[in-house]
Amino acid sequence: MSEKSVADAVYAGIDTHKDFHVAAVVDHLGRLLDTFTAATTVAGYRTLLQWITSFGDVDRIGVEGTGSYGVAVTRLLRDRELEVVEVNRPNQR
């Protein structure tokens, strides 16, 4: 983050699926601000990015499956110079 304080930061997480992604944005205390579902299309990714950044200064975005269903949205986010971290899928057992 640049000159803004941690208290101004928001964080996003994206749960990826084949046909849609579900995102959540939380504040610096981990309080849920909102959730959003977007189609897995270029227009959907752009709308998702606009929605995430509407909450303020985005510190980082966790994406599940940056090498599979999340590869396209991850590429778009990184192209916009946002920090993206891969989130491992939970153990299904």
PDB file of N, CA and C in Angstrom:
ATOM      1  N   MET A   1       0.830  -1.182   0.000  1.00  0.00           N
ATOM      2  CA  MET A   1       0.000   0.000   0.000  1.00  0.00           C
ATOM      3  C   MET A   1       0.868   1.237   0.000  1.00  0.00           C
ATOM      4  N   SER A   2       0.354   2.273  -0.552  1.00  0.00           N
ATOM      5  CA  SER A   2       1.117   3.503  -0.637  1.00  0.00           C
ATOM      6  C   SER A   2       0.987   4.314   0.641  1.00  0.00           C
ATOM      7  N   GLU A   3       0.545   5.561   0.515  1.00  0.00           N
ATOM      8  CA  GLU A   3       0.516   6.468   1.653  1.00  0.00           C
ATOM      9  C   GLU A   3      -0.717   6.314   2.539  1.00  0.00           C
ATOM     10  N   LYS A   4      -1.686   5.553   2.132  1.00  0.00           N
ATOM     11  CA  LYS A   4      -2.904   5.418   2.923  1.00  0.00           C
ATOM     12  C   LYS A   4      -2.658   4.499   4.108  1.00  0.00           C
ATOM     13  N   SER A   5      -3.436   4.685   5.150  1.00  0.00           N
ATOM     14  CA  SER A   5      -3.255   3.866   6.343  1.00  0.00           C
ATOM     15  C   SER A   5      -3.938   2.516   6.181  1.00  0.00           C
ATOM     16  N   VAL A   6      -3.526   1.587   7.018  1.00  0.00           N
ATOM     17  CA  VAL A   6      -4.122   0.253   7.018  1.00  0.00           C
ATOM     18  C   VAL A   6      -5.624   0.349   7.279  1.00  0.00           C
ATOM     19  N   ALA A   7      -6.031   1.317   8.084  1.00  0.00           N
ATOM     20  CA  ALA A   7      -7.448   1.472   8.423  1.00  0.00           C
ATOM     21  C   ALA A   7      -8.297   1.816   7.203  1.00  0.00           C
ATOM     22  N   ASP A   8      -7.679   2.327   6.151  1.00  0.00           N
ATOM     23  CA  ASP A   8      -8.412   2.637   4.925  1.00  0.00           C
ATOM     24  C   ASP A   8      -8.464   1.458   3.964  1.00  0.00           C
ATOM     25  N   ALA A   9      -7.696   0.429   4.237  1.00  0.00           N
ATOM     26  CA  ALA A   9      -7.552  -0.684   3.304  1.00  0.00           C
ATOM     27  C   ALA A   9      -8.768  -1.604   3.307  1.00  0.00           C
ATOM     28  N   VAL A  10      -9.021  -2.180   2.153  1.00  0.00           N
ATOM     29  CA  VAL A  10     -10.002  -3.253   2.034  1.00  0.00           C
ATOM     30  C   VAL A  10      -9.303  -4.438   1.376  1.00  0.00           C
ATOM     31  N   TYR A  11      -9.871  -5.603   1.587  1.00  0.00           N
ATOM     32  CA  TYR A  11      -9.320  -6.843   1.078  1.00  0.00           C
ATOM     33  C   TYR A  11     -10.450  -7.600   0.405  1.00  0.00           C
ATOM     34  N   ALA A  12     -10.116  -8.301  -0.674  1.00  0.00           N
ATOM     35  CA  ALA A  12     -11.138  -9.065  -1.388  1.00  0.00           C
ATOM     36  C   ALA A  12     -10.705 -10.516  -1.497  1.00  0.00           C
ATOM     37  N   GLY A  13     -11.687 -11.374  -1.606  1.00  0.00           N
ATOM     38  CA  GLY A  13     -11.455 -12.782  -1.865  1.00  0.00           C
ATOM     39  C   GLY A  13     -12.388 -13.220  -2.964  1.00  0.00           C
ATOM     40  N   ILE A  14     -11.879 -14.062  -3.866  1.00  0.00           N
ATOM     41  CA  ILE A  14     -12.691 -14.531  -4.982  1.00  0.00           C
ATOM     42  C   ILE A  14     -12.697 -16.053  -4.986  1.00  0.00           C
ATOM     43  N   ASP A  15     -13.902 -16.613  -4.900  1.00  0.00           N
ATOM     44  CA  ASP A  15     -14.126 -18.057  -4.985  1.00  0.00           C
ATOM     45  C   ASP A  15     -14.469 -18.344  -6.440  1.00  0.00           C
ATOM     46  N   THR A  16     -13.604 -19.078  -7.124  1.00  0.00           N
ATOM     47  CA  THR A  16     -13.769 -19.262  -8.565  1.00  0.00           C
ATOM     48  C   THR A  16     -14.548 -20.532  -8.895  1.00  0.00           C
ATOM     49  N   HIS A  17     -15.329 -20.421  -9.946  1.00  0.00           N
ATOM     50  CA  HIS A  17     -16.118 -21.543 -10.481  1.00  0.00           C
ATOM     51  C   HIS A  17     -16.077 -21.468 -12.001  1.00  0.00           C
ATOM     52  N   LYS A  18     -16.548 -22.468 -12.670  1.00  0.00           N
ATOM     53  CA  LYS A  18     -16.496 -22.509 -14.130  1.00  0.00           C
ATOM     54  C   LYS A  18     -17.292 -21.380 -14.781  1.00  0.00           C
ATOM     55  N   ASP A  19     -18.516 -21.147 -14.348  1.00  0.00           N
ATOM     56  CA  ASP A  19     -19.407 -20.195 -15.015  1.00  0.00           C
ATOM     57  C   ASP A  19     -19.575 -18.869 -14.289  1.00  0.00           C
ATOM     58  N   PHE A  20     -19.136 -18.800 -13.033  1.00  0.00           N
ATOM     59  CA  PHE A  20     -19.264 -17.566 -12.260  1.00  0.00           C
ATOM     60  C   PHE A  20     -18.227 -17.561 -11.153  1.00  0.00           C
ATOM     61  N   HIS A  21     -17.925 -16.362 -10.651  1.00  0.00           N
ATOM     62  CA  HIS A  21     -17.038 -16.188  -9.501  1.00  0.00           C
ATOM     63  C   HIS A  21     -17.820 -15.435  -8.434  1.00  0.00           C
ATOM     64  N   VAL A  22     -17.577 -15.783  -7.179  1.00  0.00           N
ATOM     65  CA  VAL A  22     -18.210 -15.091  -6.062  1.00  0.00           C
ATOM     66  C   VAL A  22     -17.111 -14.374  -5.285  1.00  0.00           C
ATOM     67  N   ALA A  23     -17.297 -13.080  -5.086  1.00  0.00           N
ATOM     68  CA  ALA A  23     -16.292 -12.274  -4.392  1.00  0.00           C
ATOM     69  C   ALA A  23     -16.876 -11.701  -3.109  1.00  0.00           C
ATOM     70  N   ALA A  24     -15.997 -11.469  -2.165  1.00  0.00           N
ATOM     71  CA  ALA A  24     -16.355 -10.792  -0.914  1.00  0.00           C
ATOM     72  C   ALA A  24     -15.298  -9.734  -0.644  1.00  0.00           C
ATOM     73  N   VAL A  25     -15.731  -8.631  -0.062  1.00  0.00           N
ATOM     74  CA  VAL A  25     -14.810  -7.572   0.344  1.00  0.00           C
ATOM     75  C   VAL A  25     -14.970  -7.380   1.848  1.00  0.00           C
ATOM     76  N   VAL A  26     -13.824  -7.298   2.535  1.00  0.00           N
ATOM     77  CA  VAL A  26     -13.814  -7.065   3.978  1.00  0.00           C
ATOM     78  C   VAL A  26     -12.957  -5.841   4.276  1.00  0.00           C
ATOM     79  N   ASP A  27     -13.216  -5.230   5.432  1.00  0.00           N
ATOM     80  CA  ASP A  27     -12.402  -4.081   5.846  1.00  0.00           C
ATOM     81  C   ASP A  27     -11.168  -4.579   6.592  1.00  0.00           C
ATOM     82  N   HIS A  28     -10.376  -3.662   7.119  1.00  0.00           N
ATOM     83  CA  HIS A  28      -9.120  -4.003   7.792  1.00  0.00           C
ATOM     84  C   HIS A  28      -9.324  -4.805   9.076  1.00  0.00           C
ATOM     85  N   LEU A  29     -10.552  -4.830   9.590  1.00  0.00           N
ATOM     86  CA  LEU A  29     -10.854  -5.640  10.774  1.00  0.00           C
ATOM     87  C   LEU A  29     -11.492  -6.981  10.421  1.00  0.00           C
ATOM     88  N   GLY A  30     -11.633  -7.248   9.131  1.00  0.00           N
ATOM     89  CA  GLY A  30     -12.221  -8.503   8.689  1.00  0.00           C
ATOM     90  C   GLY A  30     -13.736  -8.492   8.642  1.00  0.00           C
ATOM     91  N   ARG A  31     -14.345  -7.321   8.775  1.00  0.00           N
ATOM     92  CA  ARG A  31     -15.805  -7.218   8.715  1.00  0.00           C
ATOM     93  C   ARG A  31     -16.253  -7.269   7.261  1.00  0.00           C
ATOM     94  N   LEU A  32     -17.217  -8.130   6.996  1.00  0.00           N
ATOM     95  CA  LEU A  32     -17.744  -8.271   5.648  1.00  0.00           C
ATOM     96  C   LEU A  32     -18.460  -7.002   5.228  1.00  0.00           C
ATOM     97  N   LEU A  33     -18.046  -6.451   4.079  1.00  0.00           N
ATOM     98  CA  LEU A  33     -18.691  -5.261   3.550  1.00  0.00           C
ATOM     99  C   LEU A  33     -19.777  -5.625   2.551  1.00  0.00           C
ATOM    100  N   ASP A  34     -19.512  -6.648   1.728  1.00  0.00           N
ATOM    101  CA  ASP A  34     -20.511  -7.072   0.741  1.00  0.00           C
ATOM    102  C   ASP A  34     -19.978  -8.267  -0.039  1.00  0.00           C
ATOM    103  N   THR A  35     -20.886  -8.919  -0.763  1.00  0.00           N
ATOM    104  CA  THR A  35     -20.520 -10.003  -1.672  1.00  0.00           C
ATOM    105  C   THR A  35     -21.094  -9.700  -3.047  1.00  0.00           C
ATOM    106  N   PHE A  36     -20.533 -10.361  -4.066  1.00  0.00           N
ATOM    107  CA  PHE A  36     -20.939 -10.086  -5.440  1.00  0.00           C
ATOM    108  C   PHE A  36     -20.658 -11.319  -6.279  1.00  0.00           C
ATOM    109  N   THR A  37     -21.536 -11.615  -7.220  1.00  0.00           N
ATOM    110  CA  THR A  37     -21.340 -12.721  -8.151  1.00  0.00           C
ATOM    111  C   THR A  37     -21.209 -12.156  -9.552  1.00  0.00           C
ATOM    112  N   ALA A  38     -20.199 -12.641 -10.282  1.00  0.00           N
ATOM    113  CA  ALA A  38     -19.949 -12.159 -11.636  1.00  0.00           C
ATOM    114  C   ALA A  38     -19.757 -13.341 -12.578  1.00  0.00           C
ATOM    115  N   ALA A  39     -20.199 -13.158 -13.806  1.00  0.00           N
ATOM    116  CA  ALA A  39     -20.001 -14.167 -14.849  1.00  0.00           C
ATOM    117  C   ALA A  39     -18.520 -14.272 -15.199  1.00  0.00           C
ATOM    118  N   THR A  40     -18.102 -15.426 -15.677  1.00  0.00           N
ATOM    119  CA  THR A  40     -16.712 -15.635 -16.069  1.00  0.00           C
ATOM    120  C   THR A  40     -16.527 -15.223 -17.525  1.00  0.00           C
ATOM    121  N   THR A  41     -16.725 -13.947 -17.765  1.00  0.00           N
ATOM    122  CA  THR A  41     -16.529 -13.335 -19.072  1.00  0.00           C
ATOM    123  C   THR A  41     -15.684 -12.082 -18.872  1.00  0.00           C
ATOM    124  N   VAL A  42     -15.152 -11.539 -19.939  1.00  0.00           N
ATOM    125  CA  VAL A  42     -14.369 -10.310 -19.821  1.00  0.00           C
ATOM    126  C   VAL A  42     -15.218  -9.204 -19.204  1.00  0.00           C
ATOM    127  N   ALA A  43     -16.470  -9.084 -19.655  1.00  0.00           N
ATOM    128  CA  ALA A  43     -17.361  -8.067 -19.082  1.00  0.00           C
ATOM    129  C   ALA A  43     -17.610  -8.341 -17.601  1.00  0.00           C
ATOM    130  N   GLY A  44     -17.777  -9.600 -17.237  1.00  0.00           N
ATOM    131  CA  GLY A  44     -17.982  -9.964 -15.835  1.00  0.00           C
ATOM    132  C   GLY A  44     -16.774  -9.627 -14.982  1.00  0.00           C
ATOM    133  N   TYR A  45     -15.569  -9.902 -15.492  1.00  0.00           N
ATOM    134  CA  TYR A  45     -14.346  -9.586 -14.745  1.00  0.00           C
ATOM    135  C   TYR A  45     -14.205  -8.083 -14.551  1.00  0.00           C
ATOM    136  N   ARG A  46     -14.512  -7.319 -15.588  1.00  0.00           N
ATOM    137  CA  ARG A  46     -14.410  -5.861 -15.476  1.00  0.00           C
ATOM    138  C   ARG A  46     -15.410  -5.316 -14.452  1.00  0.00           C
ATOM    139  N   THR A  47     -16.625  -5.851 -14.475  1.00  0.00           N
ATOM    140  CA  THR A  47     -17.634  -5.436 -13.500  1.00  0.00           C
ATOM    141  C   THR A  47     -17.188  -5.809 -12.093  1.00  0.00           C
ATOM    142  N   LEU A  48     -16.622  -6.988 -11.939  1.00  0.00           N
ATOM    143  CA  LEU A  48     -16.115  -7.443 -10.645  1.00  0.00           C
ATOM    144  C   LEU A  48     -15.011  -6.514 -10.145  1.00  0.00           C
ATOM    145  N   LEU A  49     -14.086  -6.152 -11.016  1.00  0.00           N
ATOM    146  CA  LEU A  49     -13.006  -5.240 -10.641  1.00  0.00           C
ATOM    147  C   LEU A  49     -13.558  -3.886 -10.220  1.00  0.00           C
ATOM    148  N   GLN A  50     -14.494  -3.375 -10.974  1.00  0.00           N
ATOM    149  CA  GLN A  50     -15.107  -2.081 -10.635  1.00  0.00           C
ATOM    150  C   GLN A  50     -15.800  -2.162  -9.273  1.00  0.00           C
ATOM    151  N   TRP A  51     -16.497  -3.265  -9.035  1.00  0.00           N
ATOM    152  CA  TRP A  51     -17.192  -3.446  -7.759  1.00  0.00           C
ATOM    153  C   TRP A  51     -16.188  -3.485  -6.600  1.00  0.00           C
ATOM    154  N   ILE A  52     -15.121  -4.280  -6.746  1.00  0.00           N
ATOM    155  CA  ILE A  52     -14.124  -4.408  -5.677  1.00  0.00           C
ATOM    156  C   ILE A  52     -13.495  -3.057  -5.369  1.00  0.00           C
ATOM    157  N   THR A  53     -13.084  -2.333  -6.388  1.00  0.00           N
ATOM    158  CA  THR A  53     -12.378  -1.072  -6.163  1.00  0.00           C
ATOM    159  C   THR A  53     -13.305   0.047  -5.688  1.00  0.00           C
ATOM    160  N   SER A  54     -14.610  -0.154  -5.779  1.00  0.00           N
ATOM    161  CA  SER A  54     -15.544   0.870  -5.310  1.00  0.00           C
ATOM    162  C   SER A  54     -15.535   1.009  -3.782  1.00  0.00           C
ATOM    163  N   PHE A  55     -14.946   0.040  -3.085  1.00  0.00           N
ATOM    164  CA  PHE A  55     -14.912   0.070  -1.616  1.00  0.00           C
ATOM    165  C   PHE A  55     -13.733   0.858  -1.062  1.00  0.00           C
ATOM    166  N   GLY A  56     -12.779   1.187  -1.907  1.00  0.00           N
ATOM    167  CA  GLY A  56     -11.636   1.958  -1.451  1.00  0.00           C
ATOM    168  C   GLY A  56     -10.328   1.377  -1.923  1.00  0.00           C
ATOM    169  N   ASP A  57      -9.278   1.678  -1.180  1.00  0.00           N
ATOM    170  CA  ASP A  57      -7.924   1.254  -1.512  1.00  0.00           C
ATOM    171  C   ASP A  57      -7.791  -0.250  -1.248  1.00  0.00           C
ATOM    172  N   VAL A  58      -7.610  -1.027  -2.302  1.00  0.00           N
ATOM    173  CA  VAL A  58      -7.529  -2.483  -2.185  1.00  0.00           C
ATOM    174  C   VAL A  58      -6.082  -2.872  -1.885  1.00  0.00           C
ATOM    175  N   ASP A  59      -5.870  -3.476  -0.711  1.00  0.00           N
ATOM    176  CA  ASP A  59      -4.522  -3.887  -0.325  1.00  0.00           C
ATOM    177  C   ASP A  59      -4.098  -5.137  -1.074  1.00  0.00           C
ATOM    178  N   ARG A  60      -4.955  -6.142  -1.089  1.00  0.00           N
ATOM    179  CA  ARG A  60      -4.662  -7.371  -1.837  1.00  0.00           C
ATOM    180  C   ARG A  60      -5.941  -8.153  -2.052  1.00  0.00           C
ATOM    181  N   ILE A  61      -5.860  -9.073  -3.018  1.00  0.00           N
ATOM    182  CA  ILE A  61      -7.012  -9.893  -3.384  1.00  0.00           C
ATOM    183  C   ILE A  61      -6.570 -11.350  -3.379  1.00  0.00           C
ATOM    184  N   GLY A  62      -7.272 -12.166  -2.623  1.00  0.00           N
ATOM    185  CA  GLY A  62      -7.022 -13.598  -2.622  1.00  0.00           C
ATOM    186  C   GLY A  62      -7.920 -14.264  -3.645  1.00  0.00           C
ATOM    187  N   VAL A  63      -7.311 -15.109  -4.483  1.00  0.00           N
ATOM    188  CA  VAL A  63      -8.076 -15.800  -5.522  1.00  0.00           C
ATOM    189  C   VAL A  63      -7.842 -17.292  -5.381  1.00  0.00           C
ATOM    190  N   GLU A  64      -8.928 -18.032  -5.340  1.00  0.00           N
ATOM    191  CA  GLU A  64      -8.841 -19.491  -5.299  1.00  0.00           C
ATOM    192  C   GLU A  64      -8.619 -19.990  -6.723  1.00  0.00           C
ATOM    193  N   GLY A  65      -7.592 -20.790  -6.915  1.00  0.00           N
ATOM    194  CA  GLY A  65      -7.378 -21.406  -8.219  1.00  0.00           C
ATOM    195  C   GLY A  65      -6.847 -20.454  -9.274  1.00  0.00           C
ATOM    196  N   THR A  66      -5.743 -19.767  -8.978  1.00  0.00           N
ATOM    197  CA  THR A  66      -5.199 -18.807  -9.942  1.00  0.00           C
ATOM    198  C   THR A  66      -4.670 -19.498 -11.200  1.00  0.00           C
ATOM    199  N   GLY A  67      -4.495 -20.805 -11.147  1.00  0.00           N
ATOM    200  CA  GLY A  67      -3.998 -21.541 -12.310  1.00  0.00           C
ATOM    201  C   GLY A  67      -5.073 -22.294 -13.048  1.00  0.00           C
ATOM    202  N   SER A  68      -6.310 -22.217 -12.592  1.00  0.00           N
ATOM    203  CA  SER A  68      -7.387 -22.946 -13.275  1.00  0.00           C
ATOM    204  C   SER A  68      -8.539 -21.996 -13.555  1.00  0.00           C
ATOM    205  N   TYR A  69      -9.655 -22.149 -12.874  1.00  0.00           N
ATOM    206  CA  TYR A  69     -10.811 -21.278 -13.123  1.00  0.00           C
ATOM    207  C   TYR A  69     -10.507 -19.810 -12.861  1.00  0.00           C
ATOM    208  N   GLY A  70      -9.526 -19.528 -12.032  1.00  0.00           N
ATOM    209  CA  GLY A  70      -9.225 -18.149 -11.680  1.00  0.00           C
ATOM    210  C   GLY A  70      -8.140 -17.492 -12.516  1.00  0.00           C
ATOM    211  N   VAL A  71      -7.607 -18.184 -13.510  1.00  0.00           N
ATOM    212  CA  VAL A  71      -6.477 -17.639 -14.258  1.00  0.00           C
ATOM    213  C   VAL A  71      -6.827 -16.345 -15.000  1.00  0.00           C
ATOM    214  N   ALA A  72      -7.973 -16.274 -15.625  1.00  0.00           N
ATOM    215  CA  ALA A  72      -8.323 -15.089 -16.420  1.00  0.00           C
ATOM    216  C   ALA A  72      -8.567 -13.864 -15.538  1.00  0.00           C
ATOM    217  N   VAL A  73      -9.308 -14.039 -14.451  1.00  0.00           N
ATOM    218  CA  VAL A  73      -9.559 -12.902 -13.559  1.00  0.00           C
ATOM    219  C   VAL A  73      -8.263 -12.479 -12.860  1.00  0.00           C
ATOM    220  N   THR A  74      -7.407 -13.426 -12.532  1.00  0.00           N
ATOM    221  CA  THR A  74      -6.116 -13.104 -11.928  1.00  0.00           C
ATOM    222  C   THR A  74      -5.276 -12.268 -12.884  1.00  0.00           C
ATOM    223  N   ARG A  75      -5.246 -12.651 -14.141  1.00  0.00           N
ATOM    224  CA  ARG A  75      -4.484 -11.902 -15.137  1.00  0.00           C
ATOM    225  C   ARG A  75      -4.991 -10.459 -15.232  1.00  0.00           C
ATOM    226  N   LEU A  76      -6.305 -10.282 -15.268  1.00  0.00           N
ATOM    227  CA  LEU A  76      -6.880  -8.937 -15.358  1.00  0.00           C
ATOM    228  C   LEU A  76      -6.515  -8.108 -14.128  1.00  0.00           C
ATOM    229  N   LEU A  77      -6.606  -8.689 -12.950  1.00  0.00           N
ATOM    230  CA  LEU A  77      -6.290  -7.971 -11.714  1.00  0.00           C
ATOM    231  C   LEU A  77      -4.818  -7.571 -11.674  1.00  0.00           C
ATOM    232  N   ARG A  78      -3.941  -8.488 -12.062  1.00  0.00           N
ATOM    233  CA  ARG A  78      -2.506  -8.179 -12.055  1.00  0.00           C
ATOM    234  C   ARG A  78      -2.162  -7.149 -13.125  1.00  0.00           C
ATOM    235  N   ASP A  79      -2.843  -7.202 -14.262  1.00  0.00           N
ATOM    236  CA  ASP A  79      -2.638  -6.188 -15.299  1.00  0.00           C
ATOM    237  C   ASP A  79      -2.988  -4.794 -14.785  1.00  0.00           C
ATOM    238  N   ARG A  80      -3.893  -4.719 -13.806  1.00  0.00           N
ATOM    239  CA  ARG A  80      -4.272  -3.433 -13.190  1.00  0.00           C
ATOM    240  C   ARG A  80      -3.393  -3.110 -11.984  1.00  0.00           C
ATOM    241  N   GLU A  81      -2.307  -3.914 -11.835  1.00  0.00           N
ATOM    242  CA  GLU A  81      -1.302  -3.726 -10.789  1.00  0.00           C
ATOM    243  C   GLU A  81      -1.845  -3.908  -9.377  1.00  0.00           C
ATOM    244  N   LEU A  82      -2.831  -4.787  -9.240  1.00  0.00           N
ATOM    245  CA  LEU A  82      -3.333  -5.155  -7.918  1.00  0.00           C
ATOM    246  C   LEU A  82      -2.561  -6.380  -7.431  1.00  0.00           C
ATOM    247  N   GLU A  83      -2.331  -6.441  -6.130  1.00  0.00           N
ATOM    248  CA  GLU A  83      -1.632  -7.594  -5.572  1.00  0.00           C
ATOM    249  C   GLU A  83      -2.619  -8.749  -5.440  1.00  0.00           C
ATOM    250  N   VAL A  84      -2.273  -9.868  -6.066  1.00  0.00           N
ATOM    251  CA  VAL A  84      -3.121 -11.066  -6.026  1.00  0.00           C
ATOM    252  C   VAL A  84      -2.329 -12.186  -5.374  1.00  0.00           C
ATOM    253  N   VAL A  85      -2.956 -12.849  -4.406  1.00  0.00           N
ATOM    254  CA  VAL A  85      -2.343 -14.007  -3.772  1.00  0.00           C
ATOM    255  C   VAL A  85      -3.238 -15.218  -4.001  1.00  0.00           C
ATOM    256  N   GLU A  86      -2.599 -16.358  -4.210  1.00  0.00           N
ATOM    257  CA  GLU A  86      -3.374 -17.579  -4.426  1.00  0.00           C
ATOM    258  C   GLU A  86      -3.834 -18.143  -3.091  1.00  0.00           C
ATOM    259  N   VAL A  87      -5.087 -18.541  -3.056  1.00  0.00           N
ATOM    260  CA  VAL A  87      -5.672 -19.151  -1.871  1.00  0.00           C
ATOM    261  C   VAL A  87      -5.905 -20.626  -2.202  1.00  0.00           C
ATOM    262  N   ASN A  88      -5.352 -21.497  -1.380  1.00  0.00           N
ATOM    263  CA  ASN A  88      -5.534 -22.929  -1.607  1.00  0.00           C
ATOM    264  C   ASN A  88      -6.952 -23.351  -1.295  1.00  0.00           C
ATOM    265  N   ARG A  89      -7.430 -24.293  -2.080  1.00  0.00           N
ATOM    266  CA  ARG A  89      -8.764 -24.857  -1.828  1.00  0.00           C
ATOM    267  C   ARG A  89      -8.729 -25.626  -0.524  1.00  0.00           C
ATOM    268  N   PRO A  90      -9.838 -25.554   0.239  1.00  0.00           N
ATOM    269  CA  PRO A  90      -9.878 -26.316   1.490  1.00  0.00           C
ATOM    270  C   PRO A  90      -9.903 -27.819   1.192  1.00  0.00           C
ATOM    271  N   ASN A  91      -9.395 -28.591   2.114  1.00  0.00           N
ATOM    272  CA  ASN A  91      -9.427 -30.038   1.990  1.00  0.00           C
ATOM    273  C   ASN A  91     -10.885 -30.485   2.000  1.00  0.00           C
ATOM    274  N   GLN A  92     -11.319 -31.197   0.990  1.00  0.00           N
ATOM    275  CA  GLN A  92     -12.715 -31.610   0.856  1.00  0.00           C
ATOM    276  C   GLN A  92     -13.080 -32.784   1.755  1.00  0.00           C
ATOM    277  N   ARG A  93     -12.108 -33.388   2.421  1.00  0.00           N
ATOM    278  CA  ARG A  93     -12.383 -34.567   3.250  1.00  0.00           C
ATOM    279  C   ARG A  93     -12.856 -34.191   4.608  1.00  0.00           C
TER     280      ARG A  93
END
